[in-house]
Amino acid sequence: MQIEELVSISSLKSYTNGYLLHYEKTNRNRLLFLVDGLAKAYKIDKRKNEIFLYYIYSGRIISEISTLRNDYLTSYSNIELLQNSQILSIDYQQFKKQFLNNGLL
């Protein structure tokens, strides 16, 4: 059953307000989903100024999937949590193998 497969490759973790989840241009092997909380996506310019991009609200995906060719995800912005948050983390390689490559999403 797909739900059981998804649960077997996932974990749920709590983070505190102000936690920097990941940096721009970081490769990750986990697909992240914001279950509860609030996050912001931003970049830093060459003068070290913060450029706000957007908020990420509860019930939204955090990870950016730009291509299905790779077995990793590249972040194109910094992600900081603005509230205590819960994040569902899914093994991307297994998710891709079991779901995306089989047309189950």
N, C-alpha and C. Protein backbone atom coordinates (compact mmCIF):
# COMPACT_ATOMS: atom_id res chain seq x y z
N MET A 1 0.85 -1.18 0.00
CA MET A 1 0.00 0.00 0.00
C MET A 1 0.89 1.24 0.00
N GLN A 2 0.54 2.26 -0.78
CA GLN A 2 1.38 3.44 -0.92
C GLN A 2 1.55 4.24 0.36
N ILE A 3 0.53 4.32 1.19
CA ILE A 3 0.64 5.08 2.45
C ILE A 3 1.70 4.47 3.34
N GLU A 4 1.72 3.16 3.45
CA GLU A 4 2.72 2.48 4.28
C GLU A 4 4.12 2.68 3.72
N GLU A 5 4.26 2.66 2.40
CA GLU A 5 5.56 2.91 1.77
C GLU A 5 6.04 4.33 2.07
N LEU A 6 5.12 5.29 1.97
CA LEU A 6 5.46 6.68 2.24
C LEU A 6 5.88 6.87 3.70
N VAL A 7 5.15 6.27 4.60
CA VAL A 7 5.48 6.36 6.03
C VAL A 7 6.86 5.76 6.30
N SER A 8 7.20 4.68 5.63
CA SER A 8 8.48 4.00 5.88
C SER A 8 9.69 4.84 5.44
N ILE A 9 9.51 5.81 4.55
CA ILE A 9 10.62 6.64 4.08
C ILE A 9 10.53 8.07 4.60
N SER A 10 9.67 8.30 5.60
CA SER A 10 9.42 9.64 6.12
C SER A 10 9.70 9.75 7.60
N SER A 11 9.93 10.98 8.04
CA SER A 11 10.06 11.27 9.47
C SER A 11 9.49 12.66 9.73
N LEU A 12 9.02 12.87 10.94
CA LEU A 12 8.44 14.14 11.36
C LEU A 12 9.30 14.70 12.48
N LYS A 13 9.71 15.96 12.33
CA LYS A 13 10.59 16.56 13.32
C LYS A 13 10.14 17.97 13.64
N SER A 14 10.32 18.37 14.90
CA SER A 14 9.98 19.72 15.34
C SER A 14 11.24 20.59 15.36
N TYR A 15 11.08 21.85 14.98
CA TYR A 15 12.16 22.83 14.96
C TYR A 15 11.69 24.10 15.66
N THR A 16 12.63 24.88 16.17
CA THR A 16 12.28 26.11 16.89
C THR A 16 12.34 27.32 15.97
N ASN A 17 11.66 28.36 16.38
CA ASN A 17 11.65 29.65 15.70
C ASN A 17 13.10 30.12 15.47
N GLY A 18 13.40 30.60 14.27
CA GLY A 18 14.71 31.12 13.95
C GLY A 18 15.67 30.09 13.37
N TYR A 19 15.26 28.84 13.33
CA TYR A 19 16.14 27.78 12.80
C TYR A 19 16.32 27.97 11.29
N LEU A 20 17.57 27.95 10.83
CA LEU A 20 17.86 28.04 9.40
C LEU A 20 17.87 26.64 8.83
N LEU A 21 16.84 26.33 8.07
CA LEU A 21 16.62 24.97 7.57
C LEU A 21 17.64 24.58 6.52
N HIS A 22 17.91 25.46 5.57
CA HIS A 22 18.98 25.22 4.62
C HIS A 22 19.37 26.49 3.91
N TYR A 23 20.57 26.43 3.33
CA TYR A 23 21.14 27.56 2.61
C TYR A 23 20.92 27.42 1.11
N GLU A 24 20.97 28.56 0.44
CA GLU A 24 20.89 28.59 -1.01
C GLU A 24 22.01 27.75 -1.63
N LYS A 25 21.71 27.07 -2.72
CA LYS A 25 22.64 26.25 -3.50
C LYS A 25 23.10 25.00 -2.75
N THR A 26 22.33 24.56 -1.77
CA THR A 26 22.64 23.34 -1.04
C THR A 26 21.92 22.18 -1.71
N ASN A 27 22.63 21.08 -1.92
CA ASN A 27 21.99 19.86 -2.43
C ASN A 27 21.50 19.04 -1.26
N ARG A 28 20.28 18.54 -1.35
CA ARG A 28 19.67 17.78 -0.27
C ARG A 28 19.11 16.48 -0.82
N ASN A 29 19.03 15.47 0.04
CA ASN A 29 18.44 14.21 -0.38
C ASN A 29 17.11 13.96 0.32
N ARG A 30 16.52 15.03 0.88
CA ARG A 30 15.24 14.93 1.57
C ARG A 30 14.26 15.93 0.97
N LEU A 31 13.04 15.49 0.76
CA LEU A 31 11.93 16.32 0.32
C LEU A 31 11.26 16.84 1.59
N LEU A 32 11.12 18.16 1.72
CA LEU A 32 10.60 18.75 2.96
C LEU A 32 9.22 19.36 2.75
N PHE A 33 8.35 19.11 3.73
CA PHE A 33 6.97 19.59 3.71
C PHE A 33 6.67 20.23 5.06
N LEU A 34 6.20 21.48 5.05
CA LEU A 34 5.89 22.19 6.29
C LEU A 34 4.51 21.78 6.79
N VAL A 35 4.48 20.95 7.81
CA VAL A 35 3.22 20.45 8.37
C VAL A 35 2.56 21.54 9.19
N ASP A 36 3.35 22.21 10.04
CA ASP A 36 2.82 23.25 10.91
C ASP A 36 3.89 24.31 11.12
N GLY A 37 3.51 25.58 11.06
CA GLY A 37 4.46 26.67 11.30
C GLY A 37 4.48 27.65 10.15
N LEU A 38 5.56 28.42 10.10
CA LEU A 38 5.74 29.44 9.07
C LEU A 38 7.23 29.57 8.78
N ALA A 39 7.57 29.70 7.50
CA ALA A 39 8.96 29.87 7.08
C ALA A 39 9.04 30.98 6.05
N LYS A 40 10.25 31.47 5.86
CA LYS A 40 10.45 32.45 4.78
C LYS A 40 11.61 32.00 3.91
N ALA A 41 11.49 32.31 2.63
CA ALA A 41 12.54 32.06 1.66
C ALA A 41 13.17 33.41 1.33
N TYR A 42 14.50 33.43 1.30
CA TYR A 42 15.19 34.68 0.99
C TYR A 42 16.55 34.38 0.38
N LYS A 43 17.13 35.39 -0.22
CA LYS A 43 18.48 35.32 -0.77
C LYS A 43 19.30 36.43 -0.14
N ILE A 44 20.61 36.34 -0.26
CA ILE A 44 21.53 37.38 0.20
C ILE A 44 22.25 37.92 -1.03
N ASP A 45 22.22 39.27 -1.20
CA ASP A 45 22.90 39.85 -2.37
C ASP A 45 24.39 40.03 -2.09
N LYS A 46 25.11 40.56 -3.06
CA LYS A 46 26.57 40.68 -2.93
C LYS A 46 26.99 41.66 -1.85
N ARG A 47 26.07 42.52 -1.41
CA ARG A 47 26.36 43.46 -0.31
C ARG A 47 25.87 42.93 1.03
N LYS A 48 25.48 41.66 1.04
CA LYS A 48 25.00 40.96 2.24
C LYS A 48 23.67 41.49 2.76
N ASN A 49 22.86 42.03 1.85
CA ASN A 49 21.50 42.44 2.18
C ASN A 49 20.56 41.27 1.94
N GLU A 50 19.58 41.13 2.82
CA GLU A 50 18.58 40.08 2.66
C GLU A 50 17.53 40.51 1.65
N ILE A 51 17.23 39.64 0.70
CA ILE A 51 16.18 39.89 -0.29
C ILE A 51 15.07 38.89 -0.02
N PHE A 52 13.97 39.36 0.52
CA PHE A 52 12.82 38.50 0.84
C PHE A 52 12.19 38.02 -0.46
N LEU A 53 11.88 36.70 -0.51
CA LEU A 53 11.23 36.13 -1.69
C LEU A 53 9.77 35.80 -1.44
N TYR A 54 9.50 34.97 -0.42
CA TYR A 54 8.12 34.58 -0.14
C TYR A 54 8.04 33.85 1.20
N TYR A 55 6.81 33.78 1.71
CA TYR A 55 6.53 32.98 2.91
C TYR A 55 6.12 31.58 2.49
N ILE A 56 6.39 30.63 3.36
CA ILE A 56 5.92 29.26 3.18
C ILE A 56 5.02 28.95 4.36
N TYR A 57 3.76 28.65 4.08
CA TYR A 57 2.75 28.44 5.12
C TYR A 57 2.55 26.95 5.38
N SER A 58 1.93 26.66 6.51
CA SER A 58 1.60 25.27 6.87
C SER A 58 0.88 24.58 5.72
N GLY A 59 1.18 23.31 5.54
CA GLY A 59 0.52 22.54 4.49
C GLY A 59 1.14 22.72 3.11
N ARG A 60 2.33 23.32 3.06
CA ARG A 60 2.99 23.58 1.77
C ARG A 60 4.33 22.86 1.70
N ILE A 61 4.75 22.57 0.49
CA ILE A 61 6.06 21.96 0.27
C ILE A 61 7.14 23.04 0.40
N ILE A 62 8.26 22.66 1.01
CA ILE A 62 9.39 23.58 1.16
C ILE A 62 10.40 23.36 0.04
N SER A 63 10.69 22.12 -0.25
CA SER A 63 11.71 21.77 -1.26
C SER A 63 11.25 22.19 -2.65
N GLU A 64 12.24 22.56 -3.45
CA GLU A 64 11.97 22.94 -4.83
C GLU A 64 12.45 21.81 -5.74
N ILE A 65 11.57 21.29 -6.56
CA ILE A 65 11.95 20.24 -7.50
C ILE A 65 12.06 20.88 -8.87
N SER A 66 13.29 21.07 -9.33
CA SER A 66 13.49 21.74 -10.61
C SER A 66 13.67 20.74 -11.75
N THR A 67 14.08 19.52 -11.41
CA THR A 67 14.25 18.49 -12.42
C THR A 67 14.04 17.12 -11.78
N LEU A 68 13.57 16.17 -12.55
CA LEU A 68 13.42 14.81 -12.06
C LEU A 68 14.61 13.94 -12.46
N ARG A 69 15.58 14.53 -13.13
CA ARG A 69 16.75 13.78 -13.59
C ARG A 69 17.72 13.44 -12.46
N ASN A 70 17.81 14.32 -11.46
CA ASN A 70 18.77 14.13 -10.37
C ASN A 70 18.15 13.34 -9.22
N ASP A 71 19.02 12.73 -8.43
CA ASP A 71 18.58 12.02 -7.23
C ASP A 71 18.73 12.89 -5.99
N TYR A 72 18.86 14.18 -6.19
CA TYR A 72 18.96 15.14 -5.09
C TYR A 72 18.19 16.40 -5.48
N LEU A 73 17.93 17.23 -4.49
CA LEU A 73 17.21 18.49 -4.70
C LEU A 73 18.17 19.63 -4.40
N THR A 74 18.16 20.67 -5.22
CA THR A 74 18.99 21.84 -5.00
C THR A 74 18.11 22.98 -4.53
N SER A 75 18.50 23.61 -3.43
CA SER A 75 17.72 24.75 -2.93
C SER A 75 18.19 26.01 -3.64
N TYR A 76 17.25 26.86 -3.99
CA TYR A 76 17.57 28.09 -4.70
C TYR A 76 17.39 29.31 -3.81
N SER A 77 17.16 29.05 -2.52
CA SER A 77 17.04 30.15 -1.55
C SER A 77 17.37 29.62 -0.16
N ASN A 78 17.61 30.54 0.75
CA ASN A 78 17.75 30.19 2.16
C ASN A 78 16.35 30.03 2.73
N ILE A 79 16.16 29.10 3.65
CA ILE A 79 14.86 28.90 4.28
C ILE A 79 15.05 29.01 5.80
N GLU A 80 14.34 29.96 6.39
CA GLU A 80 14.39 30.17 7.84
C GLU A 80 12.99 30.01 8.42
N LEU A 81 12.90 29.33 9.55
CA LEU A 81 11.62 29.16 10.22
C LEU A 81 11.30 30.39 11.06
N LEU A 82 10.09 30.89 10.91
CA LEU A 82 9.65 32.09 11.63
C LEU A 82 8.78 31.76 12.83
N GLN A 83 8.44 30.51 12.99
CA GLN A 83 7.66 30.02 14.13
C GLN A 83 8.19 28.64 14.48
N ASN A 84 7.88 28.19 15.68
CA ASN A 84 8.13 26.78 15.99
C ASN A 84 7.36 25.98 14.95
N SER A 85 8.01 24.98 14.37
CA SER A 85 7.42 24.31 13.21
C SER A 85 7.63 22.80 13.27
N GLN A 86 6.77 22.10 12.55
CA GLN A 86 6.92 20.67 12.34
C GLN A 86 7.12 20.44 10.84
N ILE A 87 8.14 19.63 10.53
CA ILE A 87 8.48 19.38 9.13
C ILE A 87 8.50 17.88 8.86
N LEU A 88 7.79 17.50 7.81
CA LEU A 88 7.82 16.13 7.32
C LEU A 88 8.98 16.03 6.34
N SER A 89 9.87 15.08 6.59
CA SER A 89 11.05 14.88 5.77
C SER A 89 10.94 13.52 5.10
N ILE A 90 11.05 13.50 3.77
CA ILE A 90 10.88 12.28 2.98
C ILE A 90 12.16 12.00 2.21
N ASP A 91 12.63 10.77 2.26
CA ASP A 91 13.82 10.37 1.51
C ASP A 91 13.51 10.54 0.02
N TYR A 92 14.17 11.52 -0.62
CA TYR A 92 13.84 11.87 -2.00
C TYR A 92 14.17 10.75 -2.99
N GLN A 93 15.28 10.08 -2.81
CA GLN A 93 15.64 9.01 -3.74
C GLN A 93 14.59 7.89 -3.72
N GLN A 94 14.17 7.51 -2.54
CA GLN A 94 13.16 6.46 -2.42
C GLN A 94 11.80 6.96 -2.92
N PHE A 95 11.46 8.21 -2.64
CA PHE A 95 10.20 8.80 -3.10
C PHE A 95 10.16 8.81 -4.62
N LYS A 96 11.26 9.22 -5.20
CA LYS A 96 11.35 9.26 -6.66
C LYS A 96 11.20 7.85 -7.24
N LYS A 97 11.91 6.90 -6.66
CA LYS A 97 11.89 5.51 -7.14
C LYS A 97 10.51 4.87 -7.00
N GLN A 98 9.88 5.03 -5.83
CA GLN A 98 8.62 4.35 -5.54
C GLN A 98 7.39 5.07 -6.06
N PHE A 99 7.46 6.40 -6.19
CA PHE A 99 6.26 7.15 -6.56
C PHE A 99 6.40 7.90 -7.89
N LEU A 100 7.37 8.80 -7.99
CA LEU A 100 7.48 9.63 -9.19
C LEU A 100 7.77 8.82 -10.45
N ASN A 101 8.73 7.90 -10.36
CA ASN A 101 9.08 7.09 -11.54
C ASN A 101 7.97 6.13 -11.95
N ASN A 102 7.03 5.86 -11.06
CA ASN A 102 5.91 4.95 -11.37
C ASN A 102 4.61 5.69 -11.67
N GLY A 103 4.71 7.03 -11.80
CA GLY A 103 3.53 7.82 -12.14
C GLY A 103 2.46 7.83 -11.07
N LEU A 104 2.86 7.66 -9.80
CA LEU A 104 1.87 7.62 -8.72
C LEU A 104 1.57 8.98 -8.11
N LEU A 105 2.16 10.02 -8.64
CA LEU A 105 1.85 11.38 -8.17
C LEU A 105 1.47 12.24 -9.33
